[in-house]
Every structure is written in structure tokens, then in C-alpha cells.
Amino acid sequence: MTIIRKYSLLIGGLGFSNLGNWIYLVALNLFVWHLTQSPAAMAGIFIVGPIARVLTNLVAGSFIDRMNKRKLMITTDMIRGVIVFCMPFMESIWLIYALLFLANIASSFFGPSSTYYITKFIPSEDRQRFNAILGTFNSGSFLVGPALAGLLIMLFNTTVTIWFNSFTFFVCAIIIYLLPNVDDVQETSRQRITWQILKSDYVTVVAFIRQNPLFITIYLLFQSALMIAFALDSQEATFIKQDLALSDSIYGAFVSVAGAGAILGGMVAASFAKKWSTRSYMAFGLFLTMLFYTAFYASTSSILACVSFVFLGFFMAFSNTGYETFYQQNVPPEMMGRFGSISNIFQSILQITFTFLLGLFAELYTLQMTAIILGITSILCSVSLCFVLYSKKIHIDLKEETL
């Protein structure tokens, strides 16, 4: 509770913004489904974002590391608020994709900036517990968001529901404005970005990667599994409505159930943050998360799917907490923007590839079979990660009792 009080503004701002994201995601999924009734169109929602991030992240990191991260977070939140506000006025799926593209450009700047801010603002000894608590608040959004989305859709419509997300972006911007500045003077100094600077930045990141092969191996295995999970997310609504033949309200309830599991998982993760290592959070959290992702798509009844969602959410809390701590402790703050942007390109390419393959083969064959195959692939990635994390060669210093 002390950490919650100490960092209440930061937790509240990021948590409230995340609440709006979950409300918006449910509303947008249903809006696009009723507009197109196409799994491919649904997959498109999850492809546009990564495409935007790939293009933006080619240069975003160089700007982020040379700008004031707090001001950048405020600006991008305001921009996203305006974009999301305009989205319900679009009657074409391509116009919706266009706005999603712009919103994700702004997100490309917000993500690395917020990671930097957390790393500089939160002392290393508090980070794992902070990440677990923030994850719990985000999981609360995961639980409350879809339920609130269902209520707003029932009382009003999807337009009002999407507008609520726009409102949360503006609120988040105001809260971040109230937070202190954490940038060093040399990091906030303005510098004209040239081709030579971009080239130098890429050389710096490549040098960091070559000097830290074990870190990169762990990062690649974790992200490969996670991007498969993100691809599977794109077809949750389709699977629930098409294969399990459940209603819109049940879809919202399923996501809320996963949120309940994530809240419980976040509370347990926060409670044992000082006792359990980051290695155990990452290894077992990711493996069990991927296992229950696969179990969800292998379900033949709503009960099995519901149980899978609960455990999926529970173990994802550990996985996310471990990874965030691992990342914050191993990437130098002064190059988080550049490394984060370049790594986001890799993540986005993976997400585009897996989401496209899932949507394509779901149209050609069956969604359930395709999702199960991808799920098994993610399990294999997580098992490989366990072997690497528990090998005798581990020497990455994460915290006192490291991995």
C-alpha cells in the first residue's frame, strides 16, 4: 500500500488510460464485426497497428531519446484522444484502419517514453513490486473495462463507448502533467535529427545487442511467444461468436473473467515480489500463459473456455511483471527510446506475420485448428525460454537475487 500511495499519480494515470483502452477494444471489435462479419477484417484491426509502428519506429527512438519524455507522453495522449474521438464518424473499414494507423503512430512515441519514465522515477528496489501493482491496476481495467463497455453499449451505443476512451486519454494527459520531470539536462536538449545521427543510433543499438547476447536471446524467445498471443487475441471475439456460438454480452463477460484472474495474479505477484525471482516470474508465467491460451482455443464448451481464461489472466500477471522488470534493469535508460523503437519493429513484424497467417488460414481451414497450432508454437518458445533462464550460464544482473 505504501508504494501505491507513493506512486499514486503515475499508477492512476496509466491505469485510467488502460481502462479506456479495454472499453474501446471491446466496442471496436463489435463495431467492426457487425460492419463486416469477416475474420479477415477483424484481423486487420490487429495488423494496422503493427504496420504503423514498424514505419514510425524506424526514426521514433532517435527523437524520443532527445526529447522530454513527460512532455512527449502528454502530447501523444492528447493526439490519441482526438483521433479516437473521430473514429465513430467513420463508415468505411478503410477509414477506420486509417485512424487506427495514426493512433498507433502516437502510441509508438508513448510506449518507450513511459518505460523510460518508470525506470527513472521508480528506484530499482521498488520496480518489481511497482510493476506487479501497476499490472494489477491494468488487470482491474481488463476486468472492469469490458463490463463497463457492455453497460455503455447497452445504455447508449458503441459511439459513446469509444468516446469514453477518448476522454481517458485526456485525463491521463492531465495526470502526467502533474508528475515531476525526470529527464536529465543533456537528454532534453534539442538536437536536429539527421541521417548521420540516425545511422549512429542504429550502430549504438547493434553494439548493445552484440554485447548482450544472453539478454537478446531471452528477449527474442519471450517476444516471439507474446506476439503469437497478440495474434490469437485478434480472433477471440470471432472464436467466441462463431465456434462457441455465444452472444456479445458473453464475450464481454469472458474478457472480464480473464481480468478477474489477472487481478488475483497481480495481487499474488505483488505480494511475493521480494521473495520470488524475476526468472521464475518470466519462465513459469509465460509457459502457463501460453498453455492456457492454447487450452482456450481447444475448448469445445463455454465452461472450458471460461476456466482457461481465468488461468490465462492469472499467469499473465506474473509473466508481464517479470518481463517489465527484466527490461527496465537491463536496458540503459539513455537508450531506451532507440532500443525500444527498434525492438518494436521486430515485435510488430512478428505480430503482423502471425496475425496475417492466423486470419488467412482461419479463412482457408478452421479458426480453431489454426489457433491451436500457433498456441503449441508459443508453448515451445516458452519451454525454450525456461531452459535458457535456468541454464548455468545465466549471469544477467536483474536485482539482488537476480534471475
Protein backbone atom coordinates (compact mmCIF):
# COMPACT_ATOMS: atom_id res chain seq x y z
CA MET A 1 0.00 0.00 0.00
CA THR A 2 2.94 2.32 0.68
CA ILE A 3 4.09 2.01 -2.94
CA ILE A 4 0.55 2.71 -4.16
CA ARG A 5 0.42 5.96 -2.16
CA LYS A 6 3.95 6.93 -3.16
CA TYR A 7 3.36 6.48 -6.89
CA SER A 8 -0.42 7.05 -6.97
CA LEU A 9 -0.40 9.65 -9.76
CA LEU A 10 1.67 7.55 -12.13
CA ILE A 11 -0.33 4.38 -11.40
CA GLY A 12 -3.61 6.28 -11.67
CA GLY A 13 -2.76 7.98 -14.96
CA LEU A 14 -1.52 4.87 -16.73
CA GLY A 15 -4.23 2.70 -15.18
CA PHE A 16 -7.07 5.03 -16.19
CA SER A 17 -5.75 5.22 -19.74
CA ASN A 18 -5.63 1.42 -19.86
CA LEU A 19 -9.24 1.25 -18.65
CA GLY A 20 -10.29 3.29 -21.65
CA ASN A 21 -8.29 1.03 -23.97
CA TRP A 22 -10.19 -2.07 -22.86
CA ILE A 23 -13.55 -0.33 -23.24
CA TYR A 24 -12.53 0.85 -26.69
CA LEU A 25 -11.18 -2.57 -27.75
CA VAL A 26 -14.46 -4.34 -26.96
CA ALA A 27 -16.51 -1.63 -28.66
CA LEU A 28 -14.27 -1.53 -31.74
CA ASN A 29 -14.24 -5.32 -32.10
CA LEU A 30 -18.04 -5.46 -32.04
CA PHE A 31 -18.35 -2.41 -34.30
CA VAL A 32 -16.11 -3.95 -36.97
CA TRP A 33 -17.71 -7.39 -36.62
CA HIS A 34 -21.21 -6.03 -37.19
CA LEU A 35 -19.91 -3.91 -40.05
CA THR A 36 -18.09 -6.72 -41.90
CA GLN A 37 -18.72 -10.09 -40.17
CA SER A 38 -15.32 -11.14 -41.50
CA PRO A 39 -12.46 -12.78 -39.54
CA ALA A 40 -10.04 -11.19 -42.01
CA ALA A 41 -11.42 -7.71 -41.30
CA MET A 42 -11.15 -8.39 -37.56
CA ALA A 43 -7.55 -9.46 -38.02
CA GLY A 44 -6.97 -6.23 -39.92
CA ILE A 45 -7.55 -4.27 -36.70
CA PHE A 46 -4.55 -6.02 -35.21
CA ILE A 47 -2.41 -5.67 -38.34
CA VAL A 48 -2.78 -1.92 -38.98
CA GLY A 49 -1.22 -1.04 -35.62
CA PRO A 50 1.96 -3.06 -36.10
CA ILE A 51 2.38 -1.69 -39.63
CA ALA A 52 2.20 1.87 -38.28
CA ARG A 53 4.66 1.04 -35.52
CA VAL A 54 7.14 -0.54 -37.94
CA LEU A 55 7.22 2.58 -40.12
CA THR A 56 7.29 5.02 -37.19
CA ASN A 57 9.85 3.19 -35.09
CA LEU A 58 12.45 3.49 -37.84
CA VAL A 59 13.05 7.04 -36.56
CA ALA A 60 10.97 7.39 -33.36
CA GLY A 61 13.68 6.21 -30.97
CA SER A 62 16.13 8.89 -32.04
CA PHE A 63 13.54 11.58 -31.32
CA ILE A 64 12.39 10.02 -28.03
CA ASP A 65 15.88 9.84 -26.52
CA ARG A 66 16.43 13.53 -27.33
CA MET A 67 13.07 14.87 -26.11
CA ASN A 68 11.46 15.43 -22.73
CA LYS A 69 9.63 12.18 -22.10
CA ARG A 70 6.97 13.69 -19.81
CA LYS A 71 6.01 16.33 -22.39
CA LEU A 72 6.07 13.70 -25.13
CA MET A 73 3.67 11.46 -23.16
CA ILE A 74 1.27 14.39 -22.64
CA THR A 75 1.34 15.38 -26.32
CA THR A 76 0.79 11.86 -27.65
CA ASP A 77 -2.10 11.26 -25.23
CA MET A 78 -3.81 14.44 -26.44
CA ILE A 79 -3.32 13.39 -30.07
CA ARG A 80 -4.70 9.91 -29.41
CA GLY A 81 -7.70 11.42 -27.62
CA VAL A 82 -8.60 13.49 -30.69
CA ILE A 83 -8.12 10.56 -33.10
CA VAL A 84 -10.26 8.16 -31.08
CA PHE A 85 -12.98 10.81 -30.74
CA CYS A 86 -13.24 10.98 -34.56
CA MET A 87 -13.35 7.20 -35.09
CA PRO A 88 -17.14 6.59 -34.67
CA PHE A 89 -17.83 9.02 -37.51
CA MET A 90 -16.13 6.67 -39.99
CA GLU A 91 -18.45 4.45 -42.06
CA SER A 92 -15.77 2.65 -44.07
CA ILE A 93 -13.48 -0.04 -42.70
CA TRP A 94 -10.60 1.60 -44.57
CA LEU A 95 -11.20 4.94 -42.85
CA ILE A 96 -11.24 3.10 -39.52
CA TYR A 97 -7.93 1.50 -40.43
CA ALA A 98 -6.54 4.93 -41.35
CA LEU A 99 -7.37 6.38 -37.92
CA LEU A 100 -6.00 3.28 -36.21
CA PHE A 101 -2.81 3.83 -38.19
CA LEU A 102 -2.49 7.42 -36.90
CA ALA A 103 -3.31 6.44 -33.32
CA ASN A 104 -0.61 3.80 -33.36
CA ILE A 105 1.95 6.29 -34.64
CA ALA A 106 1.30 8.30 -31.47
CA SER A 107 1.48 5.12 -29.38
CA SER A 108 4.93 4.41 -30.83
CA PHE A 109 6.17 7.51 -29.02
CA PHE A 110 4.19 7.00 -25.81
CA GLY A 111 5.31 3.41 -25.05
CA PRO A 112 9.11 3.86 -24.88
CA SER A 113 8.63 7.24 -23.17
CA SER A 114 6.53 5.73 -20.37
CA THR A 115 9.03 2.89 -19.90
CA TYR A 116 11.83 5.43 -19.56
CA TYR A 117 9.77 7.50 -17.11
CA ILE A 118 9.02 4.48 -14.91
CA THR A 119 12.69 3.42 -14.93
CA LYS A 120 13.89 6.89 -13.88
CA PHE A 121 11.05 7.62 -11.45
CA ILE A 122 10.92 4.25 -9.65
CA PRO A 123 14.01 3.10 -7.67
CA SER A 124 15.35 -0.31 -8.72
CA GLU A 125 14.41 -1.92 -5.40
CA ASP A 126 10.75 -0.95 -5.92
CA ARG A 127 10.39 -1.81 -9.60
CA GLN A 128 9.26 -5.44 -9.46
CA ARG A 129 6.60 -4.61 -6.86
CA PHE A 130 5.60 -1.45 -8.73
CA ASN A 131 5.27 -3.40 -11.98
CA ALA A 132 3.13 -6.01 -10.24
CA ILE A 133 0.89 -3.32 -8.70
CA LEU A 134 0.59 -1.46 -12.00
CA GLY A 135 -0.21 -4.79 -13.63
CA THR A 136 -2.93 -5.35 -11.03
CA PHE A 137 -4.48 -1.97 -11.81
CA ASN A 138 -4.25 -2.73 -15.53
CA SER A 139 -5.87 -6.09 -14.86
CA GLY A 140 -8.60 -4.27 -12.99
CA SER A 141 -9.13 -2.30 -16.18
CA PHE A 142 -9.13 -5.63 -18.02
CA LEU A 143 -11.96 -6.73 -15.71
CA VAL A 144 -13.97 -3.52 -15.38
CA GLY A 145 -13.39 -2.25 -18.92
CA PRO A 146 -15.32 -4.89 -20.90
CA ALA A 147 -18.12 -4.90 -18.31
CA LEU A 148 -18.35 -1.11 -18.46
CA ALA A 149 -18.20 -1.32 -22.25
CA GLY A 150 -21.14 -3.71 -22.23
CA LEU A 151 -23.06 -1.36 -19.93
CA LEU A 152 -22.30 1.70 -22.07
CA ILE A 153 -23.27 -0.14 -25.26
CA MET A 154 -26.49 -1.31 -23.64
CA LEU A 155 -27.38 2.16 -22.31
CA PHE A 156 -26.10 4.14 -25.28
CA ASN A 157 -24.18 2.73 -28.26
CA THR A 158 -20.67 1.90 -29.48
CA THR A 159 -20.09 5.57 -30.38
CA VAL A 160 -20.41 6.75 -26.77
CA THR A 161 -18.31 3.79 -25.65
CA ILE A 162 -15.45 4.70 -27.99
CA TRP A 163 -15.71 8.35 -26.95
CA PHE A 164 -15.15 7.30 -23.36
CA ASN A 165 -11.70 6.06 -24.38
CA SER A 166 -11.01 9.46 -25.92
CA PHE A 167 -11.90 11.02 -22.56
CA THR A 168 -9.49 8.70 -20.70
CA PHE A 169 -6.59 9.81 -22.91
CA PHE A 170 -7.24 13.45 -21.98
CA VAL A 171 -7.46 12.57 -18.28
CA CYS A 172 -4.19 10.63 -18.50
CA ALA A 173 -2.51 13.66 -20.12
CA ILE A 174 -3.66 15.90 -17.25
CA ILE A 175 -2.37 13.46 -14.62
CA ILE A 176 1.01 13.12 -16.33
CA TYR A 177 1.21 16.93 -16.39
CA LEU A 178 1.06 16.85 -12.57
CA LEU A 179 4.03 14.46 -12.34
CA PRO A 180 7.61 15.73 -11.90
CA ASN A 181 10.13 15.94 -14.69
CA VAL A 182 12.75 13.15 -14.58
CA ASP A 183 14.87 13.88 -17.67
CA ASP A 184 18.49 14.88 -17.36
CA VAL A 185 19.52 18.17 -18.96
CA GLN A 186 21.54 16.57 -21.74
CA GLU A 187 18.66 14.24 -22.60
CA THR A 188 16.17 17.07 -23.00
CA SER A 189 18.38 19.27 -25.15
CA ARG A 190 17.10 19.81 -28.65
CA GLN A 191 19.11 18.38 -31.49
CA ARG A 192 18.35 18.27 -35.18
CA ILE A 193 17.89 14.68 -36.34
CA THR A 194 19.95 13.96 -39.44
CA TRP A 195 20.70 10.82 -41.42
CA GLN A 196 24.13 10.63 -39.76
CA ILE A 197 22.53 10.73 -36.30
CA LEU A 198 20.03 8.01 -37.24
CA LYS A 199 22.86 5.85 -38.58
CA SER A 200 24.89 6.43 -35.41
CA ASP A 201 21.89 5.49 -33.25
CA TYR A 202 21.42 2.21 -35.10
CA VAL A 203 25.12 1.41 -34.71
CA THR A 204 24.80 2.07 -30.95
CA VAL A 205 21.83 -0.28 -30.62
CA VAL A 206 23.53 -3.01 -32.69
CA ALA A 207 26.61 -2.70 -30.47
CA PHE A 208 24.42 -3.11 -27.37
CA ILE A 209 22.80 -6.21 -28.88
CA ARG A 210 26.16 -7.78 -29.72
CA GLN A 211 27.50 -7.08 -26.24
CA ASN A 212 24.47 -8.69 -24.55
CA PRO A 213 23.72 -11.95 -26.41
CA LEU A 214 22.05 -13.66 -23.44
CA PHE A 215 19.75 -10.71 -22.85
CA ILE A 216 18.78 -10.69 -26.53
CA THR A 217 18.15 -14.47 -26.56
CA ILE A 218 15.76 -14.15 -23.61
CA TYR A 219 14.12 -11.12 -25.21
CA LEU A 220 13.59 -12.86 -28.57
CA LEU A 221 12.07 -16.01 -27.06
CA PHE A 222 9.73 -14.06 -24.80
CA GLN A 223 8.59 -11.68 -27.54
CA SER A 224 8.06 -14.48 -30.06
CA ALA A 225 5.64 -16.21 -27.70
CA LEU A 226 3.99 -12.92 -26.75
CA MET A 227 3.42 -11.86 -30.36
CA ILE A 228 1.70 -15.18 -31.04
CA ALA A 229 -0.54 -14.41 -28.07
CA PHE A 230 -1.32 -10.98 -29.53
CA ALA A 231 -2.20 -12.63 -32.84
CA LEU A 232 -4.53 -15.03 -31.03
CA ASP A 233 -6.16 -12.04 -29.33
CA SER A 234 -7.31 -10.83 -32.74
CA GLN A 235 -9.64 -13.81 -33.11
CA GLU A 236 -11.05 -14.09 -29.56
CA ALA A 237 -14.33 -12.41 -30.47
CA THR A 238 -14.65 -14.43 -33.67
CA PHE A 239 -13.97 -17.74 -31.90
CA ILE A 240 -16.45 -16.99 -29.11
CA LYS A 241 -19.21 -15.94 -31.51
CA GLN A 242 -18.51 -18.29 -34.43
CA ASP A 243 -17.20 -21.51 -32.84
CA LEU A 244 -18.78 -21.35 -29.39
CA ALA A 245 -21.90 -19.52 -30.66
CA LEU A 246 -22.10 -17.15 -27.71
CA SER A 247 -23.56 -13.63 -27.52
CA ASP A 248 -21.88 -10.22 -27.44
CA SER A 249 -22.54 -9.89 -23.71
CA ILE A 250 -20.92 -13.28 -23.03
CA TYR A 251 -17.87 -12.13 -24.97
CA GLY A 252 -17.56 -9.15 -22.63
CA ALA A 253 -18.09 -11.44 -19.64
CA PHE A 254 -15.32 -13.77 -20.82
CA VAL A 255 -12.83 -10.94 -21.08
CA SER A 256 -13.92 -9.77 -17.61
CA VAL A 257 -13.34 -13.27 -16.22
CA ALA A 258 -9.80 -13.17 -17.58
CA GLY A 259 -9.44 -9.78 -15.92
CA ALA A 260 -10.53 -11.26 -12.58
CA GLY A 261 -7.84 -13.90 -12.89
CA ALA A 262 -5.30 -11.22 -13.79
CA ILE A 263 -6.22 -9.10 -10.76
CA LEU A 264 -5.73 -12.07 -8.47
CA GLY A 265 -2.48 -12.92 -10.24
CA GLY A 266 -1.28 -9.32 -9.93
CA MET A 267 -2.03 -9.27 -6.21
CA VAL A 268 -0.12 -12.51 -5.66
CA ALA A 269 2.75 -11.27 -7.86
CA ALA A 270 2.94 -8.01 -5.86
CA SER A 271 2.86 -9.88 -2.55
CA PHE A 272 5.78 -12.14 -3.46
CA ALA A 273 7.80 -9.59 -5.46
CA LYS A 274 10.55 -9.53 -2.81
CA LYS A 275 10.62 -13.32 -2.39
CA TRP A 276 10.35 -14.73 -5.90
CA SER A 277 12.91 -14.02 -8.60
CA THR A 278 12.32 -12.29 -11.89
CA ARG A 279 13.45 -15.50 -13.58
CA SER A 280 10.59 -17.52 -12.05
CA TYR A 281 8.06 -14.82 -12.93
CA MET A 282 9.15 -14.84 -16.58
CA ALA A 283 9.75 -18.57 -17.10
CA PHE A 284 6.72 -20.13 -15.44
CA GLY A 285 4.44 -17.16 -16.03
CA LEU A 286 4.98 -17.23 -19.79
CA PHE A 287 4.76 -21.03 -20.08
CA LEU A 288 1.47 -21.27 -18.20
CA THR A 289 0.03 -18.24 -20.01
CA MET A 290 0.71 -19.83 -23.40
CA LEU A 291 -0.60 -23.18 -22.16
CA PHE A 292 -3.96 -21.68 -21.25
CA TYR A 293 -4.12 -19.58 -24.43
CA THR A 294 -3.93 -22.87 -26.32
CA ALA A 295 -6.43 -24.51 -23.97
CA PHE A 296 -8.91 -21.70 -24.66
CA TYR A 297 -8.88 -22.29 -28.41
CA ALA A 298 -9.01 -26.05 -27.87
CA SER A 299 -12.20 -25.64 -25.81
CA THR A 300 -15.40 -27.20 -27.06
CA SER A 301 -17.64 -25.68 -24.40
CA SER A 302 -18.11 -22.31 -22.76
CA ILE A 303 -17.12 -23.72 -19.35
CA LEU A 304 -13.71 -24.95 -20.54
CA ALA A 305 -13.13 -21.66 -22.35
CA CYS A 306 -14.06 -19.70 -19.23
CA VAL A 307 -11.72 -21.71 -16.97
CA SER A 308 -8.89 -21.26 -19.49
CA PHE A 309 -9.47 -17.50 -19.49
CA VAL A 310 -9.25 -17.32 -15.69
CA PHE A 311 -5.89 -19.10 -15.54
CA LEU A 312 -4.65 -17.26 -18.62
CA GLY A 313 -5.20 -13.94 -16.88
CA PHE A 314 -3.71 -15.16 -13.59
CA PHE A 315 -0.39 -16.30 -15.01
CA MET A 316 -0.10 -13.43 -17.48
CA ALA A 317 0.24 -11.11 -14.47
CA PHE A 318 3.44 -12.92 -13.43
CA SER A 319 4.75 -13.03 -16.99
CA ASN A 320 4.25 -9.31 -17.58
CA THR A 321 5.70 -8.30 -14.20
CA GLY A 322 8.81 -10.40 -14.76
CA TYR A 323 9.38 -9.10 -18.27
CA GLU A 324 8.91 -5.42 -17.36
CA THR A 325 11.42 -5.72 -14.52
CA PHE A 326 13.84 -7.64 -16.73
CA TYR A 327 13.64 -4.95 -19.42
CA GLN A 328 13.97 -2.00 -17.05
CA GLN A 329 17.00 -3.48 -15.30
CA ASN A 330 18.90 -4.43 -18.46
CA VAL A 331 18.34 -1.65 -20.99
CA PRO A 332 20.22 1.60 -20.19
CA PRO A 333 17.69 4.45 -19.68
CA GLU A 334 19.59 6.76 -22.02
CA MET A 335 18.97 4.43 -24.97
CA MET A 336 15.52 3.07 -24.08
CA GLY A 337 13.89 5.12 -26.81
CA ARG A 338 16.21 3.84 -29.53
CA PHE A 339 16.30 0.22 -28.37
CA GLY A 340 12.56 0.24 -27.65
CA SER A 341 11.73 1.60 -31.09
CA ILE A 342 13.98 -0.85 -32.94
CA SER A 343 12.74 -3.77 -30.86
CA ASN A 344 9.16 -2.65 -31.53
CA ILE A 345 9.85 -3.02 -35.24
CA PHE A 346 10.77 -6.66 -34.63
CA GLN A 347 7.71 -7.17 -32.43
CA SER A 348 5.41 -5.56 -34.98
CA ILE A 349 6.76 -7.64 -37.87
CA LEU A 350 6.17 -10.79 -35.83
CA GLN A 351 2.68 -9.67 -34.87
CA ILE A 352 1.80 -8.80 -38.47
CA THR A 353 3.11 -12.17 -39.67
CA PHE A 354 1.33 -14.27 -37.04
CA THR A 355 -1.92 -12.30 -37.25
CA PHE A 356 -1.96 -12.48 -41.05
CA LEU A 357 -1.28 -16.23 -41.02
CA LEU A 358 -3.96 -16.79 -38.39
CA GLY A 359 -6.56 -14.78 -40.30
CA LEU A 360 -5.60 -16.37 -43.65
CA PHE A 361 -5.61 -19.99 -42.52
CA ALA A 362 -8.75 -19.41 -40.44
CA GLU A 363 -10.49 -18.46 -43.71
CA LEU A 364 -8.95 -21.39 -45.64
CA TYR A 365 -9.34 -24.08 -42.97
CA THR A 366 -10.75 -23.61 -39.47
CA LEU A 367 -10.01 -20.96 -36.88
CA GLN A 368 -9.77 -23.48 -34.03
CA MET A 369 -7.20 -25.71 -35.72
CA THR A 370 -5.05 -22.77 -36.82
CA ALA A 371 -5.15 -21.17 -33.36
CA ILE A 372 -4.18 -24.42 -31.65
CA ILE A 373 -1.16 -24.86 -33.94
CA LEU A 374 0.02 -21.31 -33.19
CA GLY A 375 -0.64 -21.89 -29.49
CA ILE A 376 1.57 -25.00 -29.48
CA THR A 377 4.29 -22.98 -31.21
CA SER A 378 4.12 -20.39 -28.43
CA ILE A 379 4.40 -23.15 -25.81
CA LEU A 380 7.58 -24.40 -27.48
CA CYS A 381 9.01 -20.86 -27.34
CA SER A 382 8.20 -20.61 -23.63
CA VAL A 383 9.78 -24.00 -22.92
CA SER A 384 12.94 -22.86 -24.72
CA LEU A 385 12.91 -19.71 -22.57
CA CYS A 386 12.74 -21.85 -19.41
CA PHE A 387 15.82 -23.80 -20.49
CA VAL A 388 17.75 -20.59 -21.20
CA LEU A 389 16.71 -18.88 -17.96
CA TYR A 390 17.63 -21.89 -15.84
CA SER A 391 20.86 -22.73 -17.61
CA LYS A 392 24.11 -22.45 -15.66
CA LYS A 393 25.33 -19.71 -17.99
CA ILE A 394 22.85 -17.16 -16.66
CA HIS A 395 24.65 -14.08 -15.42
CA ILE A 396 22.27 -11.20 -16.12
CA ASP A 397 22.02 -8.93 -13.08
CA LEU A 398 18.38 -8.01 -12.62
CA LYS A 399 18.15 -7.26 -8.93
CA GLU A 400 19.60 -8.53 -5.66
CA GLU A 401 18.61 -12.08 -6.23
CA THR A 402 18.78 -11.85 -9.93
CA LEU A 403 17.24 -14.39 -12.28
